[in-house]
Protein backbone atom coordinates (compact mmCIF):
# COMPACT_ATOMS: atom_id res chain seq x y z
CA MET A 1 48.69 64.99 99.73
CA ARG A 2 47.53 61.39 100.12
CA VAL A 3 49.54 59.20 97.77
CA LEU A 4 48.82 55.52 97.17
CA TYR A 5 51.48 53.28 95.66
CA PHE A 6 49.83 50.36 93.88
CA ASP A 7 50.69 47.00 92.40
CA LEU A 8 48.95 43.65 91.96
CA GLU A 9 49.67 40.07 91.00
CA THR A 10 47.52 37.95 88.71
CA LYS A 11 46.19 34.43 88.87
CA TYR A 12 46.87 33.63 85.22
CA SER A 13 49.47 34.48 82.60
CA ALA A 14 48.74 36.15 79.28
CA GLU A 15 49.28 32.77 77.63
CA ASP A 16 46.68 31.20 79.96
CA VAL A 17 43.96 33.65 78.86
CA GLY A 18 44.70 33.81 75.11
CA GLY A 19 47.22 36.63 74.87
CA TRP A 20 47.85 40.21 75.92
CA ASP A 21 44.59 41.37 74.36
CA HIS A 22 42.83 39.68 77.29
CA ILE A 23 44.50 41.33 80.28
CA ALA A 24 41.15 41.76 82.04
CA GLU A 25 40.77 37.97 82.17
CA MET A 26 44.03 37.40 84.08
CA GLY A 27 42.38 37.83 87.47
CA MET A 28 43.84 39.46 90.57
CA SER A 29 45.35 37.17 93.18
CA VAL A 30 46.43 40.03 95.45
CA GLY A 31 46.50 43.82 95.23
CA ILE A 32 48.59 45.95 97.56
CA LEU A 33 48.59 49.64 98.36
CA TRP A 34 51.10 51.60 100.42
CA ASP A 35 49.25 54.60 101.85
CA THR A 36 51.05 57.78 102.88
CA ALA A 37 48.17 58.54 105.22
CA ASP A 38 49.31 55.84 107.65
CA ALA A 39 52.61 54.74 106.09
CA LYS A 40 51.42 51.16 105.92
CA PHE A 41 50.78 48.38 103.41
CA HIS A 42 47.16 47.42 102.76
CA VAL A 43 46.59 43.94 101.33
CA TYR A 44 43.51 43.00 99.29
CA LEU A 45 42.66 39.53 98.02
CA GLU A 46 40.43 38.81 95.03
CA HIS A 47 37.17 38.84 97.00
CA GLN A 48 38.14 42.25 98.43
CA ILE A 49 38.35 44.09 95.10
CA PRO A 50 35.41 46.38 96.04
CA GLN A 51 37.36 47.47 99.15
CA LEU A 52 40.48 47.98 97.02
CA ILE A 53 38.54 50.20 94.62
CA ALA A 54 37.10 52.20 97.52
CA HIS A 55 40.61 52.71 98.89
CA LEU A 56 41.92 53.85 95.50
CA LYS A 57 39.18 56.48 95.40
CA THR A 58 40.55 58.12 98.57
CA ALA A 59 43.83 59.04 96.86
CA ASP A 60 45.02 62.47 95.83
CA LEU A 61 47.47 60.58 93.62
CA ILE A 62 47.83 56.90 92.65
CA VAL A 63 51.38 55.97 91.64
CA GLY A 64 52.25 52.76 89.86
CA PHE A 65 54.38 51.27 87.09
CA ASN A 66 52.24 50.33 84.09
CA HIS A 67 49.24 50.26 86.42
CA VAL A 68 46.96 52.21 84.05
CA GLY A 69 47.65 49.91 81.12
CA PHE A 70 47.68 46.71 83.13
CA ASP A 71 46.70 46.61 86.80
CA LEU A 72 43.55 48.72 86.45
CA MET A 73 42.44 46.52 83.54
CA VAL A 74 42.85 43.46 85.77
CA VAL A 75 40.77 45.15 88.49
CA ALA A 76 38.11 46.06 85.93
CA GLY A 77 38.07 42.41 84.90
CA SER A 78 36.24 41.70 88.17
CA GLN A 79 33.15 42.82 86.24
CA PRO A 80 31.67 40.69 83.45
CA PRO A 81 32.66 41.58 79.87
CA GLY A 82 30.68 44.44 78.38
CA PRO A 83 29.42 47.82 79.57
CA ALA A 84 29.93 47.16 83.31
CA ARG A 85 33.60 46.36 82.80
CA GLN A 86 34.11 49.34 80.50
CA ARG A 87 32.43 51.69 83.00
CA LEU A 88 34.60 50.45 85.85
CA TYR A 89 37.80 50.84 83.82
CA ALA A 90 36.77 54.33 82.73
CA GLU A 91 36.07 55.21 86.35
CA LEU A 92 39.44 53.87 87.49
CA VAL A 93 41.50 55.65 84.81
CA SER A 94 39.66 58.92 85.61
CA LEU A 95 41.18 58.82 89.11
CA PRO A 96 44.36 60.89 89.68
CA ASN A 97 46.82 58.34 88.30
CA PHE A 98 50.56 58.82 87.76
CA ASP A 99 51.92 55.89 85.77
CA MET A 100 55.72 56.07 85.84
CA LEU A 101 56.15 53.73 82.89
CA SER A 102 53.89 55.88 80.72
CA GLU A 103 55.68 59.05 81.79
CA LEU A 104 59.10 57.55 81.05
CA LYS A 105 57.95 56.25 77.66
CA LYS A 106 56.87 59.79 76.70
CA ILE A 107 60.45 60.93 77.25
CA LEU A 108 62.45 57.94 76.05
CA GLY A 109 60.19 56.61 73.32
CA HIS A 110 60.42 53.05 74.61
CA ARG A 111 59.40 50.95 77.59
CA LEU A 112 61.53 50.08 80.60
CA LYS A 113 61.31 47.32 83.16
CA LEU A 114 60.87 48.19 86.83
CA ASP A 115 63.80 45.94 87.70
CA SER A 116 66.07 47.74 85.25
CA ILE A 117 65.40 51.05 87.00
CA ALA A 118 65.61 49.59 90.49
CA ARG A 119 68.98 47.95 89.95
CA SER A 120 70.56 51.03 88.41
CA THR A 121 68.92 53.67 90.60
CA LEU A 122 68.50 51.94 93.97
CA GLN A 123 71.08 49.15 93.64
CA ALA A 124 68.29 46.78 94.61
CA GLY A 125 66.09 44.65 92.38
CA LYS A 126 62.93 42.63 92.54
CA SER A 127 62.86 39.58 94.82
CA ALA A 128 61.37 37.28 92.18
CA ASP A 129 59.37 37.58 88.96
CA GLY A 130 55.80 37.36 87.78
CA LEU A 131 56.14 33.79 86.55
CA GLN A 132 57.26 32.71 90.02
CA ALA A 133 54.24 34.48 91.51
CA LEU A 134 51.96 32.54 89.14
CA GLN A 135 53.52 29.28 90.30
CA TRP A 136 53.01 30.27 93.91
CA TYR A 137 49.34 30.90 93.13
CA LYS A 138 48.99 27.39 91.75
CA GLU A 139 50.57 26.11 94.95
CA GLY A 140 48.30 28.19 97.15
CA ARG A 141 51.24 30.15 98.60
CA MET A 142 49.46 33.45 99.06
CA ASP A 143 51.93 34.39 101.79
CA LEU A 144 54.79 34.36 99.29
CA ILE A 145 52.79 36.29 96.69
CA ILE A 146 51.92 38.96 99.25
CA GLU A 147 55.54 39.43 100.30
CA TYR A 148 56.66 39.56 96.66
CA CYS A 149 53.98 42.12 95.77
CA LYS A 150 54.86 44.21 98.82
CA ARG A 151 58.45 44.30 97.61
CA ASP A 152 57.34 45.58 94.20
CA VAL A 153 55.18 48.27 95.81
CA GLU A 154 58.09 49.35 98.01
CA VAL A 155 60.44 49.48 94.99
CA THR A 156 57.84 51.54 93.11
CA ARG A 157 57.58 53.95 96.06
CA GLN A 158 61.34 54.28 96.41
CA ILE A 159 61.81 54.93 92.70
CA HIS A 160 59.13 57.62 92.71
CA GLN A 161 60.59 59.24 95.82
CA TYR A 162 64.07 59.19 94.28
CA ALA A 163 62.77 60.86 91.10
CA LEU A 164 61.05 63.58 93.13
CA GLU A 165 64.17 64.27 95.20
CA HIS A 166 66.90 63.89 92.55
CA HIS A 167 65.03 64.80 89.36
CA GLN A 168 66.45 61.81 87.51
CA LEU A 169 66.42 58.02 87.27
CA SER A 170 69.02 55.57 85.99
CA TYR A 171 68.28 52.42 84.00
CA ASP A 172 70.07 49.55 82.29
CA SER A 173 70.40 49.67 78.54
CA LYS A 174 72.29 47.75 75.88
CA GLY A 175 74.89 50.49 75.94
CA GLY A 176 75.26 50.41 79.72
CA VAL A 177 73.63 52.41 82.49
CA LYS A 178 71.89 55.58 81.30
CA THR A 179 70.26 58.44 83.20
CA VAL A 180 67.11 60.31 82.31
CA ALA A 181 66.39 63.79 83.68
CA LEU A 182 62.88 64.29 85.09
CA ASP A 183 60.82 67.16 86.35
CA TRP A 184 58.21 65.11 88.21
CA ALA A 185 56.37 66.71 91.08
CA LEU A 186 53.45 65.64 93.24
CA LYS A 187 50.85 66.38 90.60
CA THR A 188 48.39 64.31 88.69
CA ALA A 189 48.92 63.11 85.15
CA ALA A 190 46.50 63.49 82.26
CA ALA A 191 43.92 60.73 81.98
CA PRO A 192 44.67 58.07 79.32
CA GLN A 193 42.98 58.47 75.97
CA ALA A 194 39.61 56.81 75.51
CA GLU A 195 40.89 54.42 72.85
CA GLN A 196 42.34 52.25 75.62
CA MET A 197 38.76 51.14 76.20
CA SER A 198 38.95 49.17 72.95
CA LEU A 199 41.24 46.72 74.72
CA PHE A 200 38.09 45.19 76.21
């Protein structure tokens, strides 16, 4: 099975574009895939979004953390507002996506942060945060953004692999570290409901 682990960084914050209802306007600065076919990172800059989309279409499974509700919307934002953007988003969410955040929310009833899981499960956290990546974009430091995004992709991959092997994940909570039992396997998840399209 060809699995792609996916994450991206944006050019603008939600505040910059008028709030979280305008995710598609945040713009991709870099998108990164880790491909099990060659066990390598693949880096795509904004002008290479068509190549990124083509690569995503080769997957038997696309694994991310909130990538269906966020990253794919940013990618779809490469098209102008209206039917073209909606068609691209619909096409992207119809791919074999496995969004770990969505799957965990189904079980727990609330959202988790990737860093919360990484620190408790892997004893390793993120190297920076999204706000730092936005500052790097303003400074033209694409090298730093790429390394930061690679780290997030690698953490995503390690968390997914851990869940497959150990059938559980740990996470930080107000009451201390908790563990959630999982029965994940290398299978695709159901496509998101069509109402997500209204976010455009």
